[in-house]
């Protein structure tokens, strides 16, 4: 009788876990559709600063949430892939509904840009899942996530950089920069982990800025 009750409790716990995974995957897909549609339909119809905050940070935020809340690495890969793909498909459909073929709300180019956007979103989701670890790898993942956000902010806010947007500075740039730091702090539980993650994010962002500056100034030659 005792073994039967134990087996039933284990089965009930397993069933709850499986149902939770199913709900997570469905929520990732539905969330991707909603974020993609809102982004493309609102493009050009909202204040510029709001559009700059939405694109691409709402897409990245969804990938972070989906990845961080996944039940395992494989589920994080599946859920973030579905979320990213549904965002791209929804944005494509919304663009066609508006009579446009410009997919700038998700990527900066046709096929290559969409592929890069998909890889980036899935990668961010997987990094978010790794931040659930309490060891050095969790610190590294959190630092890389922060560096990606900060590097993008620096790129968009600095005149002459690759994707420079004059209107991005100062409001949106400061907001995203502060939120990026807060995100890194929130992803780590210990003070030592937070320090390591922030330090890594700062170093990687500085390396990116120096590399782009060097390439633009001719200090660093780029083959091809």
N, C-alpha and C. Protein backbone atom coordinates (compact mmCIF):
# COMPACT_ATOMS: atom_id res chain seq x y z
N UNK A 1 0.83 -1.20 0.00
CA UNK A 1 0.00 0.00 0.00
C UNK A 1 0.87 1.26 0.00
N UNK A 2 1.96 1.17 0.82
CA UNK A 2 2.87 2.31 0.90
C UNK A 2 3.58 2.53 -0.42
N UNK A 3 4.01 1.43 -1.07
CA UNK A 3 4.69 1.55 -2.35
C UNK A 3 3.75 2.10 -3.42
N UNK A 4 2.47 1.70 -3.37
CA UNK A 4 1.49 2.21 -4.34
C UNK A 4 1.30 3.70 -4.20
N UNK A 5 1.21 4.19 -2.94
CA UNK A 5 1.06 5.62 -2.70
C UNK A 5 2.29 6.38 -3.17
N UNK A 6 3.48 5.79 -2.96
CA UNK A 6 4.72 6.44 -3.39
C UNK A 6 4.79 6.52 -4.91
N UNK A 7 4.40 5.41 -5.57
CA UNK A 7 4.40 5.41 -7.04
C UNK A 7 3.43 6.44 -7.58
N UNK A 8 2.28 6.58 -6.97
CA UNK A 8 1.30 7.54 -7.43
C UNK A 8 1.81 8.97 -7.25
N UNK A 9 2.48 9.23 -6.12
CA UNK A 9 3.02 10.58 -5.88
C UNK A 9 4.09 10.92 -6.91
N UNK A 10 4.94 9.93 -7.24
CA UNK A 10 5.98 10.17 -8.24
C UNK A 10 5.37 10.41 -9.61
N UNK A 11 4.33 9.63 -9.92
CA UNK A 11 3.66 9.81 -11.22
C UNK A 11 2.99 11.17 -11.30
N UNK A 12 2.35 11.59 -10.19
CA UNK A 12 1.68 12.89 -10.17
C UNK A 12 2.69 14.03 -10.35
N UNK A 13 3.88 13.89 -9.70
CA UNK A 13 4.91 14.91 -9.84
C UNK A 13 5.45 14.95 -11.27
N UNK A 14 5.63 13.77 -11.86
CA UNK A 14 6.09 13.69 -13.26
C UNK A 14 5.07 14.31 -14.21
N UNK A 15 3.80 14.03 -13.94
CA UNK A 15 2.74 14.57 -14.79
C UNK A 15 2.68 16.09 -14.70
N UNK A 16 2.83 16.61 -13.49
CA UNK A 16 2.82 18.07 -13.32
C UNK A 16 4.00 18.70 -14.06
N UNK A 17 5.15 18.04 -13.99
CA UNK A 17 6.34 18.57 -14.68
C UNK A 17 6.12 18.59 -16.19
N UNK A 18 5.57 17.51 -16.73
CA UNK A 18 5.34 17.44 -18.16
C UNK A 18 4.31 18.47 -18.62
N UNK A 19 3.28 18.65 -17.82
CA UNK A 19 2.28 19.67 -18.17
C UNK A 19 2.89 21.07 -18.12
N UNK A 20 3.76 21.30 -17.15
CA UNK A 20 4.44 22.59 -17.06
C UNK A 20 5.31 22.85 -18.28
N UNK A 21 6.00 21.80 -18.75
CA UNK A 21 6.84 21.94 -19.94
C UNK A 21 5.97 22.24 -21.16
N UNK A 22 4.85 21.54 -21.27
CA UNK A 22 3.94 21.78 -22.40
C UNK A 22 3.43 23.22 -22.40
N UNK A 23 3.03 23.70 -21.23
CA UNK A 23 2.53 25.08 -21.13
C UNK A 23 3.63 26.08 -21.47
N UNK A 24 4.86 25.77 -21.06
CA UNK A 24 5.99 26.66 -21.33
C UNK A 24 6.26 26.76 -22.83
N UNK A 25 6.24 25.63 -23.52
CA UNK A 25 6.49 25.63 -24.96
C UNK A 25 5.39 26.38 -25.70
N UNK A 26 4.13 26.12 -25.32
CA UNK A 26 3.01 26.81 -25.97
C UNK A 26 3.07 28.31 -25.70
N UNK A 27 3.40 28.69 -24.46
CA UNK A 27 3.50 30.11 -24.11
C UNK A 27 4.61 30.78 -24.89
N UNK A 28 5.73 30.07 -25.10
CA UNK A 28 6.83 30.63 -25.89
C UNK A 28 6.39 30.91 -27.31
N UNK A 29 5.66 29.96 -27.90
CA UNK A 29 5.19 30.14 -29.28
C UNK A 29 4.19 31.30 -29.37
N UNK A 30 3.20 31.32 -28.48
CA UNK A 30 2.19 32.38 -28.49
C UNK A 30 2.84 33.74 -28.21
N UNK A 31 3.76 33.77 -27.27
CA UNK A 31 4.45 35.02 -26.97
C UNK A 31 5.24 35.54 -28.15
N UNK A 32 5.88 34.62 -28.89
CA UNK A 32 6.62 35.02 -30.08
C UNK A 32 5.72 35.62 -31.14
N UNK A 33 4.57 34.99 -31.34
CA UNK A 33 3.61 35.52 -32.32
C UNK A 33 3.16 36.92 -31.91
N UNK A 34 2.81 37.09 -30.63
CA UNK A 34 2.32 38.39 -30.15
C UNK A 34 3.39 39.47 -30.29
N UNK A 35 4.61 39.17 -29.85
CA UNK A 35 5.69 40.16 -29.91
C UNK A 35 6.02 40.52 -31.35
N UNK A 36 6.07 39.53 -32.23
CA UNK A 36 6.37 39.79 -33.63
C UNK A 36 5.31 40.63 -34.31
N UNK A 37 4.05 40.29 -34.09
CA UNK A 37 2.96 41.05 -34.72
C UNK A 37 2.90 42.49 -34.20
N UNK A 38 3.00 42.64 -32.89
CA UNK A 38 2.95 44.00 -32.32
C UNK A 38 4.10 44.84 -32.86
N UNK A 39 5.28 44.24 -32.93
CA UNK A 39 6.45 44.98 -33.40
C UNK A 39 6.31 45.48 -34.82
N UNK A 40 5.86 44.60 -35.73
CA UNK A 40 5.78 45.01 -37.14
C UNK A 40 4.59 45.91 -37.40
N UNK A 41 3.47 45.68 -36.71
CA UNK A 41 2.29 46.51 -36.93
C UNK A 41 2.44 47.89 -36.31
N UNK A 42 3.23 47.98 -35.24
CA UNK A 42 3.42 49.27 -34.59
C UNK A 42 4.57 50.07 -35.20
N UNK A 43 5.39 49.43 -36.03
CA UNK A 43 6.54 50.11 -36.62
C UNK A 43 6.09 51.33 -37.42
N UNK A 44 6.68 52.48 -37.10
CA UNK A 44 6.34 53.72 -37.79
C UNK A 44 5.09 54.40 -37.26
N UNK A 45 4.40 53.77 -36.30
CA UNK A 45 3.16 54.35 -35.77
C UNK A 45 3.28 54.75 -34.31
N UNK A 46 4.43 54.54 -33.73
CA UNK A 46 4.66 54.89 -32.33
C UNK A 46 5.80 55.88 -32.26
N UNK A 47 5.97 56.58 -31.14
CA UNK A 47 7.10 57.51 -31.02
C UNK A 47 8.43 56.81 -31.29
N UNK A 48 9.37 57.55 -31.85
CA UNK A 48 10.64 56.95 -32.25
C UNK A 48 11.36 56.28 -31.09
N UNK A 49 11.35 56.93 -29.91
CA UNK A 49 12.05 56.37 -28.76
C UNK A 49 11.45 55.04 -28.34
N UNK A 50 10.12 54.92 -28.47
CA UNK A 50 9.47 53.66 -28.11
C UNK A 50 9.83 52.56 -29.09
N UNK A 51 9.86 52.92 -30.37
CA UNK A 51 10.27 51.94 -31.37
C UNK A 51 11.69 51.48 -31.17
N UNK A 52 12.58 52.39 -30.77
CA UNK A 52 13.97 52.02 -30.53
C UNK A 52 14.13 51.12 -29.32
N UNK A 53 13.25 51.26 -28.35
CA UNK A 53 13.29 50.37 -27.18
C UNK A 53 12.68 49.01 -27.50
N UNK A 54 11.65 49.01 -28.32
CA UNK A 54 10.99 47.74 -28.65
C UNK A 54 11.87 46.88 -29.53
N UNK A 55 12.49 47.50 -30.52
CA UNK A 55 13.31 46.77 -31.48
C UNK A 55 14.77 47.08 -31.23
N UNK A 56 15.60 46.11 -30.79
CA UNK A 56 15.30 44.68 -30.72
C UNK A 56 15.09 44.16 -29.31
N UNK A 57 14.96 45.08 -28.33
CA UNK A 57 15.06 44.64 -26.94
C UNK A 57 13.85 43.84 -26.45
N UNK A 58 12.68 44.06 -27.03
CA UNK A 58 11.54 43.24 -26.64
C UNK A 58 11.72 41.81 -27.14
N UNK A 59 12.31 41.66 -28.32
CA UNK A 59 12.57 40.33 -28.86
C UNK A 59 13.61 39.60 -27.98
N UNK A 60 14.65 40.34 -27.61
CA UNK A 60 15.68 39.75 -26.75
C UNK A 60 15.13 39.43 -25.37
N UNK A 61 14.25 40.29 -24.86
CA UNK A 61 13.66 40.05 -23.54
C UNK A 61 12.83 38.77 -23.53
N UNK A 62 12.07 38.55 -24.59
CA UNK A 62 11.28 37.33 -24.66
C UNK A 62 12.18 36.10 -24.70
N UNK A 63 13.25 36.17 -25.49
CA UNK A 63 14.19 35.05 -25.55
C UNK A 63 14.82 34.79 -24.18
N UNK A 64 15.14 35.85 -23.45
CA UNK A 64 15.72 35.69 -22.11
C UNK A 64 14.74 35.03 -21.15
N UNK A 65 13.50 35.48 -21.17
CA UNK A 65 12.49 34.93 -20.26
C UNK A 65 12.23 33.45 -20.59
N UNK A 66 12.09 33.15 -21.87
CA UNK A 66 11.82 31.77 -22.28
C UNK A 66 12.98 30.85 -21.90
N UNK A 67 14.20 31.29 -22.18
CA UNK A 67 15.36 30.47 -21.86
C UNK A 67 15.56 30.28 -20.36
N UNK A 68 15.42 31.36 -19.60
CA UNK A 68 15.65 31.29 -18.16
C UNK A 68 14.62 30.44 -17.44
N UNK A 69 13.41 30.33 -17.99
CA UNK A 69 12.34 29.58 -17.32
C UNK A 69 12.18 28.16 -17.84
N UNK A 70 13.08 27.71 -18.72
CA UNK A 70 12.98 26.37 -19.29
C UNK A 70 13.35 25.31 -18.26
N UNK A 71 12.82 24.09 -18.47
CA UNK A 71 13.05 23.00 -17.53
C UNK A 71 14.37 22.28 -17.76
N UNK A 72 15.02 22.51 -18.89
CA UNK A 72 16.28 21.86 -19.20
C UNK A 72 16.90 22.49 -20.43
N UNK A 73 18.14 22.14 -20.71
CA UNK A 73 18.84 22.75 -21.85
C UNK A 73 18.13 22.44 -23.16
N UNK A 74 17.71 21.18 -23.33
CA UNK A 74 17.01 20.81 -24.55
C UNK A 74 15.69 21.55 -24.70
N UNK A 75 14.95 21.69 -23.60
CA UNK A 75 13.70 22.42 -23.65
C UNK A 75 13.93 23.90 -23.89
N UNK A 76 15.04 24.44 -23.35
CA UNK A 76 15.38 25.85 -23.62
C UNK A 76 15.66 26.05 -25.10
N UNK A 77 16.38 25.10 -25.70
CA UNK A 77 16.67 25.19 -27.14
C UNK A 77 15.39 25.14 -27.96
N UNK A 78 14.51 24.20 -27.63
CA UNK A 78 13.26 24.06 -28.38
C UNK A 78 12.36 25.29 -28.20
N UNK A 79 12.18 25.70 -26.96
CA UNK A 79 11.25 26.80 -26.68
C UNK A 79 11.74 28.13 -27.27
N UNK A 80 13.04 28.41 -27.13
CA UNK A 80 13.55 29.67 -27.69
C UNK A 80 13.54 29.63 -29.22
N UNK A 81 13.78 28.46 -29.80
CA UNK A 81 13.70 28.35 -31.26
C UNK A 81 12.27 28.62 -31.73
N UNK A 82 11.29 28.03 -31.05
CA UNK A 82 9.90 28.26 -31.42
C UNK A 82 9.52 29.73 -31.23
N UNK A 83 9.95 30.32 -30.12
CA UNK A 83 9.64 31.73 -29.87
C UNK A 83 10.25 32.62 -30.94
N UNK A 84 11.53 32.37 -31.26
CA UNK A 84 12.20 33.19 -32.27
C UNK A 84 11.59 33.00 -33.65
N UNK A 85 11.32 31.75 -34.00
CA UNK A 85 10.74 31.48 -35.31
C UNK A 85 9.35 32.07 -35.44
N UNK A 86 8.56 31.96 -34.39
CA UNK A 86 7.20 32.51 -34.45
C UNK A 86 7.24 34.04 -34.52
N UNK A 87 8.22 34.66 -33.86
CA UNK A 87 8.37 36.11 -33.97
C UNK A 87 8.67 36.52 -35.41
N UNK A 88 9.59 35.79 -36.04
CA UNK A 88 9.97 36.12 -37.42
C UNK A 88 8.81 35.89 -38.37
N UNK A 89 8.12 34.75 -38.22
CA UNK A 89 6.99 34.45 -39.11
C UNK A 89 5.87 35.47 -38.90
N UNK A 90 5.59 35.81 -37.63
CA UNK A 90 4.53 36.79 -37.35
C UNK A 90 4.90 38.15 -37.92
N UNK A 91 6.18 38.54 -37.78
CA UNK A 91 6.61 39.83 -38.33
C UNK A 91 6.50 39.82 -39.85
N UNK A 92 6.84 38.69 -40.47
CA UNK A 92 6.71 38.59 -41.92
C UNK A 92 5.26 38.73 -42.35
N UNK A 93 4.37 38.02 -41.67
CA UNK A 93 2.95 38.10 -41.99
C UNK A 93 2.39 39.50 -41.76
N UNK A 94 2.78 40.11 -40.64
CA UNK A 94 2.31 41.47 -40.36
C UNK A 94 2.81 42.46 -41.39
N UNK A 95 4.04 42.28 -41.84
CA UNK A 95 4.59 43.16 -42.87
C UNK A 95 3.83 43.03 -44.17
N UNK A 96 3.47 41.81 -44.53
CA UNK A 96 2.70 41.60 -45.76
C UNK A 96 1.30 42.20 -45.64
N UNK A 97 0.71 42.11 -44.44
CA UNK A 97 -0.61 42.71 -44.23
C UNK A 97 -0.57 44.22 -44.42
N UNK A 98 0.56 44.83 -44.12
CA UNK A 98 0.71 46.26 -44.30
C UNK A 98 1.16 46.62 -45.71
N UNK A 99 1.29 45.59 -46.56
CA UNK A 99 1.71 45.84 -47.93
C UNK A 99 3.17 46.13 -48.07
N UNK A 100 3.98 45.64 -47.11
CA UNK A 100 5.41 45.88 -47.13
C UNK A 100 6.14 44.56 -47.15
N UNK A 101 7.38 44.61 -47.57
CA UNK A 101 8.25 43.43 -47.51
C UNK A 101 9.47 43.71 -46.65
N UNK A 102 9.47 44.86 -46.00
CA UNK A 102 10.59 45.23 -45.14
C UNK A 102 10.45 44.53 -43.79
N UNK A 103 11.46 43.73 -43.45
CA UNK A 103 11.42 43.00 -42.19
C UNK A 103 12.38 43.62 -41.18
N UNK A 104 12.54 44.91 -41.26
CA UNK A 104 13.49 45.59 -40.38
C UNK A 104 13.15 45.50 -38.92
N UNK A 105 11.90 45.16 -38.58
CA UNK A 105 11.55 45.05 -37.16
C UNK A 105 12.21 43.86 -36.50
N UNK A 106 12.67 42.90 -37.30
CA UNK A 106 13.33 41.74 -36.74
C UNK A 106 14.78 41.65 -37.17
N UNK A 107 15.07 41.96 -38.41
CA UNK A 107 16.43 41.83 -38.92
C UNK A 107 16.71 42.93 -39.92
N UNK A 108 17.99 43.11 -40.23
CA UNK A 108 18.39 44.19 -41.11
C UNK A 108 18.58 43.73 -42.55
N UNK A 109 18.16 42.57 -42.88
CA UNK A 109 18.31 42.10 -44.23
C UNK A 109 17.38 40.96 -44.50
N UNK A 110 17.31 40.48 -45.75
CA UNK A 110 16.41 39.38 -46.09
C UNK A 110 16.83 38.07 -45.46
N UNK A 111 17.30 37.12 -46.25
CA UNK A 111 17.58 35.77 -45.74
C UNK A 111 18.69 35.77 -44.69
N UNK A 112 19.83 36.39 -45.03
CA UNK A 112 20.96 36.38 -44.10
C UNK A 112 20.60 37.06 -42.79
N UNK A 113 19.89 38.19 -42.88
CA UNK A 113 19.50 38.90 -41.67
C UNK A 113 18.56 38.09 -40.80
N UNK A 114 17.62 37.40 -41.42
CA UNK A 114 16.67 36.58 -40.66
C UNK A 114 17.38 35.40 -40.01
N UNK A 115 18.31 34.79 -40.73
CA UNK A 115 19.06 33.67 -40.15
C UNK A 115 19.87 34.14 -38.95
N UNK A 116 20.50 35.31 -39.08
CA UNK A 116 21.29 35.85 -37.98
C UNK A 116 20.40 36.17 -36.79
N UNK A 117 19.23 36.74 -37.06
CA UNK A 117 18.30 37.06 -35.97
C UNK A 117 17.87 35.79 -35.24
N UNK A 118 17.60 34.72 -35.99
CA UNK A 118 17.18 33.46 -35.38
C UNK A 118 18.29 32.89 -34.50
N UNK A 119 19.52 32.88 -35.02
CA UNK A 119 20.65 32.36 -34.26
C UNK A 119 20.90 33.19 -33.00
N UNK A 120 20.81 34.52 -33.15
CA UNK A 120 21.04 35.40 -32.01
C UNK A 120 20.01 35.19 -30.91
N UNK A 121 18.73 35.12 -31.27
CA UNK A 121 17.68 34.95 -30.28
C UNK A 121 17.78 33.60 -29.57
N UNK A 122 18.05 32.55 -30.33
CA UNK A 122 18.21 31.23 -29.71
C UNK A 122 19.44 31.22 -28.80
N UNK A 123 20.52 31.84 -29.26
CA UNK A 123 21.73 31.90 -28.44
C UNK A 123 21.50 32.63 -27.13
N UNK A 124 20.77 33.73 -27.19
CA UNK A 124 20.46 34.50 -25.97
C UNK A 124 19.60 33.66 -25.02
N UNK A 125 18.64 32.92 -25.58
CA UNK A 125 17.80 32.06 -24.75
C UNK A 125 18.61 30.98 -24.05
N UNK A 126 19.56 30.38 -24.76
CA UNK A 126 20.40 29.34 -24.16
C UNK A 126 21.31 29.93 -23.09
N UNK A 127 21.85 31.11 -23.35
CA UNK A 127 22.67 31.77 -22.33
C UNK A 127 21.84 32.06 -21.09
N UNK A 128 20.59 32.48 -21.30
CA UNK A 128 19.71 32.74 -20.15
C UNK A 128 19.49 31.49 -19.34
N UNK A 129 19.35 30.34 -20.01
CA UNK A 129 19.18 29.09 -19.26
C UNK A 129 20.44 28.77 -18.45
N UNK A 130 21.61 28.97 -19.04
CA UNK A 130 22.87 28.66 -18.35
C UNK A 130 23.04 29.54 -17.11
N UNK A 131 22.44 30.73 -17.10
CA UNK A 131 22.56 31.59 -15.92
C UNK A 131 21.90 30.99 -14.69
N UNK A 132 21.10 29.94 -14.88
CA UNK A 132 20.49 29.28 -13.72
C UNK A 132 21.52 28.49 -12.91
N UNK A 133 22.68 28.25 -13.50
CA UNK A 133 23.76 27.57 -12.77
C UNK A 133 24.33 28.52 -11.72
N UNK A 134 24.82 27.94 -10.63
CA UNK A 134 25.37 28.75 -9.55
C UNK A 134 26.90 28.78 -9.58
N UNK A 135 27.51 28.17 -10.60
CA UNK A 135 28.97 28.15 -10.67
C UNK A 135 29.48 29.25 -11.58
N UNK A 136 30.76 29.15 -11.95
CA UNK A 136 31.40 30.18 -12.75
C UNK A 136 30.78 30.29 -14.14
N UNK A 137 30.25 29.16 -14.65
CA UNK A 137 29.63 29.19 -15.98
C UNK A 137 28.36 30.03 -15.99
N UNK A 138 27.65 30.02 -14.89
CA UNK A 138 26.49 30.91 -14.78
C UNK A 138 26.91 32.36 -14.80
N UNK A 139 28.03 32.68 -14.12
CA UNK A 139 28.55 34.04 -14.13
C UNK A 139 28.96 34.45 -15.55
N UNK A 140 29.62 33.54 -16.25
CA UNK A 140 30.06 33.83 -17.62
C UNK A 140 28.86 34.09 -18.52
N UNK A 141 27.83 33.24 -18.40
CA UNK A 141 26.64 33.41 -19.24
C UNK A 141 25.98 34.75 -18.97
N UNK A 142 25.85 35.12 -17.70
CA UNK A 142 25.25 36.41 -17.35
C UNK A 142 26.09 37.57 -17.89
N UNK A 143 27.40 37.44 -17.80
CA UNK A 143 28.28 38.48 -18.32
C UNK A 143 28.17 38.64 -19.82
N UNK A 144 28.06 37.52 -20.53
CA UNK A 144 27.94 37.58 -21.99
C UNK A 144 26.60 38.21 -22.38
N UNK A 145 25.53 37.86 -21.67
CA UNK A 145 24.23 38.46 -21.95
C UNK A 145 24.31 39.98 -21.76
N UNK A 146 24.90 40.42 -20.65
CA UNK A 146 25.05 41.84 -20.40
C UNK A 146 25.91 42.52 -21.46
N UNK A 147 26.97 41.84 -21.89
CA UNK A 147 27.85 42.41 -22.91
C UNK A 147 27.14 42.57 -24.24
N UNK A 148 26.30 41.60 -24.61
CA UNK A 148 25.55 41.72 -25.86
C UNK A 148 24.65 42.95 -25.86
N UNK A 149 23.96 43.15 -24.75
CA UNK A 149 23.06 44.31 -24.65
C UNK A 149 23.84 45.62 -24.62
N UNK A 150 24.91 45.66 -23.83
CA UNK A 150 25.69 46.88 -23.72
C UNK A 150 26.42 47.21 -25.02
N UNK A 151 26.95 46.18 -25.69
CA UNK A 151 27.64 46.41 -26.95
C UNK A 151 26.69 46.95 -28.00
N UNK A 152 25.46 46.42 -28.03
CA UNK A 152 24.48 46.93 -28.97
C UNK A 152 24.12 48.38 -28.66
N UNK A 153 24.04 48.69 -27.36
CA UNK A 153 23.74 50.06 -26.95
C UNK A 153 24.85 51.01 -27.38
N UNK A 154 26.09 50.60 -27.14
CA UNK A 154 27.23 51.42 -27.54
C UNK A 154 27.26 51.61 -29.05
N UNK A 155 26.99 50.54 -29.77
CA UNK A 155 27.01 50.59 -31.23
C UNK A 155 25.97 51.57 -31.77
N UNK A 156 24.76 51.53 -31.22
CA UNK A 156 23.68 52.39 -31.71
C UNK A 156 23.82 53.83 -31.24
N UNK A 157 24.47 54.04 -30.11
CA UNK A 157 24.54 55.38 -29.53
C UNK A 157 25.78 56.16 -29.96
N UNK A 158 26.79 55.48 -30.53
CA UNK A 158 28.05 56.14 -30.87
C UNK A 158 28.06 56.56 -32.33
N UNK A 159 28.22 57.84 -32.61
CA UNK A 159 28.26 58.30 -34.01
C UNK A 159 29.39 57.63 -34.79
N UNK A 160 29.07 57.18 -35.99
CA UNK A 160 30.07 56.56 -36.85
C UNK A 160 30.21 55.08 -36.69
N UNK A 161 29.57 54.50 -35.67
CA UNK A 161 29.67 53.06 -35.49
C UNK A 161 28.76 52.35 -36.50
N UNK A 162 28.77 51.02 -36.48
CA UNK A 162 28.13 50.21 -37.51
C UNK A 162 26.65 50.53 -37.66
N UNK A 163 25.90 50.48 -36.56
CA UNK A 163 24.45 50.72 -36.60
C UNK A 163 24.08 52.00 -35.86
N UNK A 164 24.89 53.02 -36.03
CA UNK A 164 24.69 54.27 -35.31
C UNK A 164 23.32 54.90 -35.60
N UNK A 165 22.63 55.31 -34.53
CA UNK A 165 21.35 56.01 -34.63
C UNK A 165 21.42 57.25 -33.75
N UNK A 166 21.54 58.44 -34.36
CA UNK A 166 21.68 59.67 -33.57
C UNK A 166 20.59 59.85 -32.51
N UNK A 167 19.35 59.46 -32.84
CA UNK A 167 18.24 59.66 -31.91
C UNK A 167 18.27 58.67 -30.74
N UNK A 168 19.16 57.67 -30.82
CA UNK A 168 19.21 56.67 -29.74
C UNK A 168 19.85 57.24 -28.49
N UNK A 169 20.64 58.30 -28.64
CA UNK A 169 21.28 58.94 -27.49
C UNK A 169 20.57 60.27 -27.18
N UNK A 170 20.32 60.61 -25.90
CA UNK A 170 20.74 59.87 -24.71
C UNK A 170 19.67 58.98 -24.10
N UNK A 171 18.38 59.31 -24.31
CA UNK A 171 17.31 58.62 -23.58
C UNK A 171 17.31 57.11 -23.69
N UNK A 172 17.03 56.55 -24.87
CA UNK A 172 16.98 55.09 -25.01
C UNK A 172 18.29 54.41 -24.61
N UNK A 173 19.43 55.03 -24.97
CA UNK A 173 20.72 54.42 -24.66
C UNK A 173 20.93 54.30 -23.15
N UNK A 174 20.63 55.36 -22.42
CA UNK A 174 20.81 55.32 -20.97
C UNK A 174 19.85 54.30 -20.34
N UNK A 175 18.60 54.29 -20.82
CA UNK A 175 17.61 53.35 -20.27
C UNK A 175 18.06 51.91 -20.47
N UNK A 176 18.49 51.57 -21.68
CA UNK A 176 18.92 50.20 -21.96
C UNK A 176 20.21 49.87 -21.21
N UNK A 177 21.12 50.84 -21.12
CA UNK A 177 22.36 50.59 -20.38
C UNK A 177 22.10 50.27 -18.91
N UNK A 178 21.24 51.06 -18.29
CA UNK A 178 20.91 50.82 -16.87
C UNK A 178 20.19 49.49 -16.69
N UNK A 179 19.23 49.21 -17.58
CA UNK A 179 18.49 47.95 -17.49
C UNK A 179 19.40 46.75 -17.72
N UNK A 180 20.41 46.90 -18.57
CA UNK A 180 21.36 45.81 -18.82
C UNK A 180 22.15 45.48 -17.56
N UNK A 181 22.59 46.52 -16.86
CA UNK A 181 23.33 46.30 -15.61
C UNK A 181 22.42 45.66 -14.56
N UNK A 182 21.20 46.15 -14.46
CA UNK A 182 20.24 45.58 -13.51
C UNK A 182 19.97 44.12 -13.84
N UNK A 183 19.86 43.80 -15.12
CA UNK A 183 19.61 42.42 -15.54
C UNK A 183 20.75 41.51 -15.11
N UNK A 184 21.98 41.94 -15.33
CA UNK A 184 23.13 41.12 -14.93
C UNK A 184 23.12 40.88 -13.43
N UNK A 185 22.82 41.92 -12.66
CA UNK A 185 22.76 41.77 -11.20
C UNK A 185 21.64 40.81 -10.80
N UNK A 186 20.51 40.88 -11.49
CA UNK A 186 19.36 40.04 -11.14
C UNK A 186 19.61 38.57 -11.49
N UNK A 187 20.45 38.32 -12.49
CA UNK A 187 20.69 36.95 -12.93
C UNK A 187 21.62 36.18 -11.99
N UNK A 188 22.35 36.89 -11.13
CA UNK A 188 23.27 36.23 -10.20
C UNK A 188 22.77 36.39 -8.78
N UNK A 189 23.00 35.36 -7.96
CA UNK A 189 22.49 35.37 -6.60
C UNK A 189 23.51 35.86 -5.58
N UNK A 190 24.79 35.64 -5.85
CA UNK A 190 25.83 36.02 -4.89
C UNK A 190 26.52 37.31 -5.32
N UNK A 191 27.09 38.02 -4.35
CA UNK A 191 27.79 39.25 -4.66
C UNK A 191 29.02 38.97 -5.53
N UNK A 192 29.74 37.88 -5.22
CA UNK A 192 30.91 37.53 -6.02
C UNK A 192 30.53 37.24 -7.46
N UNK A 193 29.42 36.51 -7.64
CA UNK A 193 28.95 36.20 -8.99
C UNK A 193 28.57 37.46 -9.75
N UNK A 194 27.93 38.40 -9.06
CA UNK A 194 27.54 39.66 -9.70
C UNK A 194 28.77 40.46 -10.13
N UNK A 195 29.77 40.49 -9.27
CA UNK A 195 31.00 41.22 -9.60
C UNK A 195 31.67 40.60 -10.82
N UNK A 196 31.78 39.26 -10.83
CA UNK A 196 32.42 38.59 -11.96
C UNK A 196 31.65 38.82 -13.25
N UNK A 197 30.33 38.71 -13.18
CA UNK A 197 29.50 38.88 -14.38
C UNK A 197 29.60 40.31 -14.91
N UNK A 198 29.52 41.30 -14.01
CA UNK A 198 29.62 42.69 -14.44
C UNK A 198 31.00 43.00 -15.01
N UNK A 199 32.03 42.45 -14.38
CA UNK A 199 33.39 42.68 -14.88
C UNK A 199 33.56 42.11 -16.28
N UNK A 200 33.05 40.90 -16.49
CA UNK A 200 33.15 40.29 -17.81
C UNK A 200 32.37 41.09 -18.85
N UNK A 201 31.17 41.54 -18.48
CA UNK A 201 30.36 42.34 -19.40
C UNK A 201 31.09 43.63 -19.78
N UNK A 202 31.72 44.27 -18.78
CA UNK A 202 32.44 45.52 -19.05
C UNK A 202 33.63 45.28 -19.96
N UNK A 203 34.37 44.21 -19.70
CA UNK A 203 35.56 43.91 -20.52
C UNK A 203 35.16 43.59 -21.96
N UNK A 204 34.16 42.75 -22.14
CA UNK A 204 33.72 42.39 -23.49
C UNK A 204 33.18 43.61 -24.24
N UNK A 205 32.43 44.46 -23.55
CA UNK A 205 31.90 45.67 -24.19
C UNK A 205 33.03 46.61 -24.60
N UNK A 206 34.02 46.76 -23.73
CA UNK A 206 35.17 47.61 -24.04
C UNK A 206 35.95 47.06 -25.24
N UNK A 207 36.13 45.74 -25.28
CA UNK A 207 36.82 45.13 -26.41
C UNK A 207 36.06 45.36 -27.71
N UNK A 208 34.73 45.26 -27.64
CA UNK A 208 33.92 45.52 -28.83
C UNK A 208 34.10 46.96 -29.30
N UNK A 209 34.03 47.91 -28.37
CA UNK A 209 34.16 49.32 -28.73
C UNK A 209 35.54 49.61 -29.33
N UNK A 210 36.58 49.05 -28.71
CA UNK A 210 37.94 49.26 -29.23
C UNK A 210 38.09 48.62 -30.60
N UNK A 211 37.54 47.42 -30.77
CA UNK A 211 37.64 46.74 -32.06
C UNK A 211 36.96 47.50 -33.18
N UNK A 212 35.73 47.98 -32.91
CA UNK A 212 35.01 48.74 -33.94
C UNK A 212 35.72 50.04 -34.24
N UNK A 213 36.20 50.72 -33.18
CA UNK A 213 36.93 51.98 -33.39
C UNK A 213 38.18 51.74 -34.22
N UNK A 214 38.90 50.67 -33.89
CA UNK A 214 40.12 50.36 -34.63
C UNK A 214 39.85 50.03 -36.08
N UNK A 215 38.77 49.28 -36.33
CA UNK A 215 38.43 48.92 -37.70
C UNK A 215 38.04 50.14 -38.52
N UNK A 216 37.26 51.04 -37.90
CA UNK A 216 36.82 52.25 -38.61
C UNK A 216 37.97 53.22 -38.85
N UNK A 217 38.92 53.25 -37.91
CA UNK A 217 40.04 54.16 -38.03
C UNK A 217 41.18 53.58 -38.88
N UNK A 218 41.06 52.31 -39.23
CA UNK A 218 42.09 51.68 -40.04
C UNK A 218 43.21 51.06 -39.24
N UNK A 219 43.09 51.07 -37.90
CA UNK A 219 44.12 50.45 -37.08
C UNK A 219 44.10 48.95 -37.21
N UNK A 220 42.89 48.41 -37.41
CA UNK A 220 42.70 46.95 -37.54
C UNK A 220 42.19 46.68 -38.94
N UNK A 221 42.92 45.85 -39.66
CA UNK A 221 42.51 45.52 -41.02
C UNK A 221 41.58 44.32 -41.00
N UNK A 222 40.49 44.41 -41.78
CA UNK A 222 39.52 43.32 -41.88
C UNK A 222 39.66 42.68 -43.25
N UNK A 223 39.98 41.39 -43.25
CA UNK A 223 40.21 40.68 -44.53
C UNK A 223 38.93 40.62 -45.31
N UNK A 224 39.03 40.68 -46.63
CA UNK A 224 37.89 40.55 -47.50
C UNK A 224 37.27 41.88 -47.80
